Amino acid sequence: MPPWQLALFGVGVACETIPGIVGNVFVIAIILSNRIMRNEINMFILNMATADLIVAAVLPITFMVGTVFQAYELGEGWCTYGESVRLTLLLTSVFSLSVISVDRLWGLLKPFHKQFRPLTTKFIMLATWVVAAAVAFYPSQLTKYGMRQYHDFLDKFCEEDSAMKKYWWVIAICLVWVPAGILFTCFILIFIKLRHFNLSQKKSGQLRFVPPVARSRERAVTLVFSMFVTFFVCWSPFLVYVVIYQYRREDHNSEVG
């Protein structure tokens, strides 16, 4: 890779990495420095920010190293466990977001419900990491690190077993479709709750007296739901294409081999 191209690539990675690190550090610092901020919802946000911080700090660097060097220079340890670490972090972030969505839905349906005890909140936070690590452990059993000595070059490589192509469907379901299903269900229930509220206000003749804040929240929920549906509709075909492409490429490689 030419020096100018390497420098441009490094600047791009830095522009992606630094905002993620700074933003998540601020979120973590604000929550930990203020005792009042340590309620259940903010602790789940803290959990998600911690996972996102590690993703922003580690994964772009490993991606850059893997792209710049011709051989695999990240070592046998990262070859074996790197994919599991990456998936653990991503799944923890997604699971935390799902917990936040369910918690906000429950807060809307039951405004006066009791919050989780601190011990329960910590248990749920730990559970997101444990479940994510359990789901992401499998790739560590299906990667192989090796070296090939050529005349003037020592090639290092990290290969995945062909069984990984079935596992990627599990990851796609856990990483995209299960959280999307949870979010979609939460939004639908929120819309039903808002509709019942508007109907009750209309029957009582108080619809005109609904506070502007309530109307703004309804518009905000509608906007976020529209963005979510657009993202899911646009992202799903690409995800299916990538998985099918991996299937066909591995089948082609096995036939050639």
Protein backbone atom coordinates (compact mmCIF):
# COMPACT_ATOMS: atom_id res chain seq x y z
CA MET A 1 0.00 0.00 0.00
CA PRO A 2 1.51 3.39 -1.00
CA PRO A 3 2.34 5.79 1.86
CA TRP A 4 -0.28 8.36 0.82
CA GLN A 5 -2.95 5.65 0.68
CA LEU A 6 -1.88 4.31 4.08
CA ALA A 7 -2.03 7.83 5.57
CA LEU A 8 -5.48 8.43 4.08
CA PHE A 9 -6.67 5.08 5.41
CA GLY A 10 -5.29 5.91 8.87
CA VAL A 11 -7.06 9.28 8.90
CA GLY A 12 -10.33 7.57 7.97
CA VAL A 13 -9.96 5.02 10.76
CA ALA A 14 -9.09 7.80 13.24
CA CYS A 15 -12.15 9.84 12.20
CA GLU A 16 -14.28 6.79 12.91
CA THR A 17 -12.54 5.76 16.13
CA ILE A 18 -11.97 9.02 18.04
CA PRO A 19 -15.62 10.23 18.15
CA GLY A 20 -16.75 6.80 19.32
CA ILE A 21 -14.16 6.70 22.08
CA VAL A 22 -14.73 10.29 23.23
CA GLY A 23 -18.52 10.03 23.16
CA ASN A 24 -18.68 6.78 25.12
CA VAL A 25 -16.08 7.99 27.64
CA PHE A 26 -18.23 11.07 28.31
CA VAL A 27 -21.34 8.92 28.77
CA ILE A 28 -19.56 6.58 31.20
CA ALA A 29 -17.96 9.47 33.12
CA ILE A 30 -21.25 11.36 33.50
CA ILE A 31 -23.10 8.33 34.82
CA LEU A 32 -20.36 7.21 37.21
CA SER A 33 -19.59 10.70 38.55
CA ASN A 34 -23.18 11.52 39.50
CA ARG A 35 -24.97 9.25 41.96
CA ILE A 36 -28.38 10.57 40.89
CA MET A 37 -27.68 9.39 37.32
CA ARG A 38 -27.24 5.77 38.41
CA ASN A 39 -30.83 4.68 37.94
CA GLU A 40 -31.77 1.46 36.18
CA ILE A 41 -32.10 2.88 32.66
CA ASN A 42 -28.81 4.78 32.85
CA MET A 43 -27.01 1.69 34.18
CA PHE A 44 -28.17 -0.21 31.09
CA ILE A 45 -26.93 2.71 28.97
CA LEU A 46 -23.62 2.48 30.88
CA ASN A 47 -23.45 -1.21 30.03
CA MET A 48 -24.03 -0.49 26.34
CA ALA A 49 -21.55 2.41 26.33
CA THR A 50 -18.86 0.19 27.87
CA ALA A 51 -19.24 -2.40 25.11
CA ASP A 52 -19.32 0.33 22.45
CA LEU A 53 -16.18 1.95 23.91
CA ILE A 54 -14.21 -1.29 23.62
CA VAL A 55 -15.52 -1.79 20.08
CA ALA A 56 -14.47 1.73 19.09
CA ALA A 57 -11.04 1.39 20.72
CA VAL A 58 -10.04 -2.10 19.56
CA LEU A 59 -11.84 -3.25 16.43
CA PRO A 60 -10.86 -0.43 14.02
CA ILE A 61 -7.18 -1.03 14.88
CA THR A 62 -7.42 -4.77 14.22
CA PHE A 63 -9.30 -4.04 11.00
CA MET A 64 -6.56 -1.65 9.88
CA VAL A 65 -3.78 -4.14 10.68
CA GLY A 66 -5.61 -6.90 8.82
CA THR A 67 -6.09 -4.67 5.80
CA VAL A 68 -2.63 -3.08 5.58
CA PHE A 69 -0.50 -6.20 5.90
CA GLN A 70 -0.54 -8.92 3.30
CA ALA A 71 -0.08 -11.69 5.88
CA TYR A 72 -2.14 -12.15 9.05
CA GLU A 73 -0.14 -10.24 11.67
CA LEU A 74 -2.56 -10.31 14.62
CA GLY A 75 -1.24 -13.59 16.00
CA GLU A 76 -2.69 -16.97 16.86
CA GLY A 77 -4.53 -15.71 19.95
CA TRP A 78 -6.54 -13.08 18.07
CA CYS A 79 -7.14 -15.55 15.22
CA THR A 80 -8.68 -17.98 17.70
CA TYR A 81 -10.61 -15.62 19.93
CA GLY A 82 -10.80 -12.35 18.00
CA GLU A 83 -14.09 -13.12 16.30
CA SER A 84 -15.60 -14.27 19.59
CA VAL A 85 -14.48 -11.06 21.30
CA ARG A 86 -15.92 -8.90 18.52
CA LEU A 87 -19.25 -10.73 18.53
CA THR A 88 -19.43 -10.65 22.34
CA LEU A 89 -19.08 -6.87 22.33
CA LEU A 90 -21.60 -6.36 19.54
CA LEU A 91 -24.14 -8.75 21.06
CA THR A 92 -23.77 -7.16 24.51
CA SER A 93 -24.47 -3.74 23.01
CA VAL A 94 -27.51 -5.06 21.13
CA PHE A 95 -28.85 -6.96 24.15
CA SER A 96 -28.46 -3.84 26.30
CA LEU A 97 -30.39 -1.82 23.73
CA SER A 98 -33.14 -4.45 23.76
CA VAL A 99 -33.32 -4.31 27.58
CA ILE A 100 -33.55 -0.50 27.43
CA SER A 101 -36.39 -0.72 24.90
CA VAL A 102 -38.36 -3.19 27.02
CA ASP A 103 -37.73 -1.12 30.15
CA ARG A 104 -38.99 2.06 28.45
CA LEU A 105 -42.05 0.20 27.16
CA TRP A 106 -42.80 -1.11 30.65
CA GLY A 107 -42.39 2.41 32.01
CA LEU A 108 -45.00 3.65 29.53
CA LEU A 109 -47.46 0.85 30.18
CA LYS A 110 -46.93 0.92 33.95
CA PRO A 111 -45.86 4.49 34.83
CA PHE A 112 -45.85 3.83 38.58
CA HIS A 113 -44.06 0.48 38.55
CA LYS A 114 -41.21 -0.06 40.97
CA GLN A 115 -37.73 0.19 39.52
CA PHE A 116 -35.32 -2.71 39.65
CA ARG A 117 -33.21 -3.03 42.74
CA PRO A 118 -29.51 -2.21 42.18
CA LEU A 119 -28.60 -5.89 42.60
CA THR A 120 -31.19 -6.93 39.99
CA THR A 121 -29.93 -4.28 37.57
CA LYS A 122 -26.34 -5.50 37.98
CA PHE A 123 -27.49 -9.09 37.47
CA ILE A 124 -29.19 -8.15 34.18
CA MET A 125 -26.09 -6.25 33.07
CA LEU A 126 -23.90 -9.26 33.84
CA ALA A 127 -26.39 -11.56 32.09
CA THR A 128 -26.08 -9.59 28.85
CA TRP A 129 -22.32 -10.21 28.85
CA VAL A 130 -22.60 -13.88 29.81
CA VAL A 131 -25.27 -14.68 27.22
CA ALA A 132 -23.37 -12.74 24.55
CA ALA A 133 -20.13 -14.57 25.37
CA ALA A 134 -21.91 -17.94 25.28
CA VAL A 135 -23.42 -17.22 21.85
CA ALA A 136 -20.11 -15.87 20.52
CA PHE A 137 -17.87 -18.68 21.86
CA TYR A 138 -18.46 -21.07 18.96
CA PRO A 139 -16.23 -19.29 16.37
CA SER A 140 -13.19 -19.85 18.57
CA GLN A 141 -13.56 -23.57 17.85
CA LEU A 142 -13.72 -23.11 14.09
CA THR A 143 -10.71 -20.94 13.26
CA LYS A 144 -7.25 -22.18 12.32
CA TYR A 145 -4.00 -20.24 12.41
CA GLY A 146 -1.12 -21.39 10.26
CA MET A 147 2.00 -20.38 8.34
CA ARG A 148 3.35 -21.17 4.87
CA GLN A 149 7.00 -20.63 4.04
CA TYR A 150 7.60 -19.41 0.52
CA HIS A 151 10.95 -18.71 -1.06
CA ASP A 152 11.09 -15.10 0.08
CA PHE A 153 7.98 -14.68 2.19
CA LEU A 154 6.50 -16.23 5.35
CA ASP A 155 2.75 -16.25 4.89
CA LYS A 156 0.60 -16.23 8.02
CA PHE A 157 -3.08 -16.96 7.68
CA CYS A 158 -6.25 -17.36 9.72
CA GLU A 159 -8.98 -19.51 8.17
CA GLU A 160 -12.53 -20.35 9.19
CA ASP A 161 -13.98 -23.84 9.08
CA SER A 162 -16.79 -24.42 6.56
CA ALA A 163 -19.21 -25.03 9.46
CA MET A 164 -19.08 -21.29 10.21
CA LYS A 165 -21.44 -20.55 7.33
CA LYS A 166 -24.33 -22.09 9.30
CA TYR A 167 -23.32 -20.24 12.45
CA TRP A 168 -23.53 -16.87 10.68
CA TRP A 169 -27.28 -17.36 10.41
CA VAL A 170 -27.40 -17.67 14.21
CA ILE A 171 -25.42 -14.44 14.53
CA ALA A 172 -27.66 -12.68 12.02
CA ILE A 173 -30.72 -13.73 14.03
CA CYS A 174 -29.23 -12.71 17.40
CA LEU A 175 -27.59 -9.52 16.17
CA VAL A 176 -30.28 -8.16 13.86
CA TRP A 177 -33.63 -9.93 13.72
CA VAL A 178 -34.25 -10.73 17.40
CA PRO A 179 -33.48 -7.14 18.55
CA ALA A 180 -35.45 -5.80 15.59
CA GLY A 181 -38.40 -7.97 16.60
CA ILE A 182 -38.20 -6.72 20.19
CA LEU A 183 -38.01 -3.08 19.08
CA PHE A 184 -40.84 -3.54 16.58
CA THR A 185 -43.05 -5.13 19.25
CA CYS A 186 -42.25 -2.32 21.70
CA PHE A 187 -43.14 0.33 19.13
CA ILE A 188 -46.43 -1.39 18.24
CA LEU A 189 -47.43 -1.60 21.91
CA ILE A 190 -46.46 2.05 22.40
CA PHE A 191 -48.64 3.06 19.45
CA ILE A 192 -51.54 1.04 20.86
CA LYS A 193 -51.09 2.74 24.23
CA LEU A 194 -51.01 6.19 22.60
CA ARG A 195 -54.09 5.39 20.52
CA HIS A 196 -56.05 4.29 23.60
CA PHE A 197 -54.97 7.47 25.37
CA ASN A 198 -56.11 9.66 22.46
CA LEU A 199 -59.44 7.83 22.22
CA SER A 200 -60.07 8.24 25.96
CA GLN A 201 -59.23 11.94 25.74
CA LYS A 202 -61.51 12.34 22.73
CA LYS A 203 -64.45 10.65 24.45
CA SER A 204 -64.02 12.85 27.50
CA GLY A 205 -63.76 15.95 25.33
CA GLN A 206 -60.27 16.76 26.59
CA LEU A 207 -58.29 16.00 23.43
CA ARG A 208 -57.68 19.71 22.82
CA PHE A 209 -56.17 20.01 26.29
CA VAL A 210 -53.46 17.39 25.70
CA PRO A 211 -50.14 19.03 26.68
CA PRO A 212 -47.81 19.96 23.79
CA VAL A 213 -45.12 17.78 25.37
CA ALA A 214 -47.34 14.70 24.94
CA ARG A 215 -47.97 15.53 21.27
CA SER A 216 -44.25 16.09 20.74
CA ARG A 217 -43.49 12.69 22.26
CA GLU A 218 -45.99 11.04 19.95
CA ARG A 219 -44.41 12.69 16.91
CA ALA A 220 -40.94 11.70 18.14
CA VAL A 221 -42.00 8.06 18.58
CA THR A 222 -43.49 8.07 15.07
CA LEU A 223 -40.29 9.54 13.62
CA VAL A 224 -38.03 7.02 15.38
CA PHE A 225 -40.29 4.15 14.33
CA SER A 226 -40.16 5.33 10.70
CA MET A 227 -36.35 5.48 10.86
CA PHE A 228 -36.24 2.00 12.40
CA VAL A 229 -38.50 0.49 9.72
CA THR A 230 -36.50 2.19 6.95
CA PHE A 231 -33.21 0.93 8.36
CA PHE A 232 -34.51 -2.62 8.80
CA VAL A 233 -36.07 -2.79 5.33
CA CYS A 234 -32.88 -1.47 3.71
CA TRP A 235 -30.47 -3.53 5.81
CA SER A 236 -32.16 -6.95 5.72
CA PRO A 237 -31.73 -7.64 1.95
CA PHE A 238 -28.05 -6.73 2.21
CA LEU A 239 -27.58 -9.04 5.18
CA VAL A 240 -29.27 -11.92 3.36
CA TYR A 241 -27.13 -11.22 0.29
CA VAL A 242 -23.90 -11.31 2.34
CA VAL A 243 -24.80 -14.63 3.97
CA ILE A 244 -25.81 -16.21 0.63
CA TYR A 245 -22.63 -14.86 -0.96
CA GLN A 246 -20.55 -16.50 1.77
CA TYR A 247 -22.34 -19.79 1.18
CA ARG A 248 -21.69 -19.74 -2.55
CA ARG A 249 -18.08 -18.63 -2.17
CA GLU A 250 -17.26 -21.41 0.28
CA ASP A 251 -19.02 -23.97 -1.91
CA HIS A 252 -17.01 -22.73 -4.90
CA ASN A 253 -13.75 -22.90 -2.94
CA SER A 254 -14.49 -26.48 -1.82
CA GLU A 255 -15.22 -27.51 -5.41
CA VAL A 256 -12.01 -25.90 -6.65
CA GLY A 257 -10.04 -27.44 -3.79
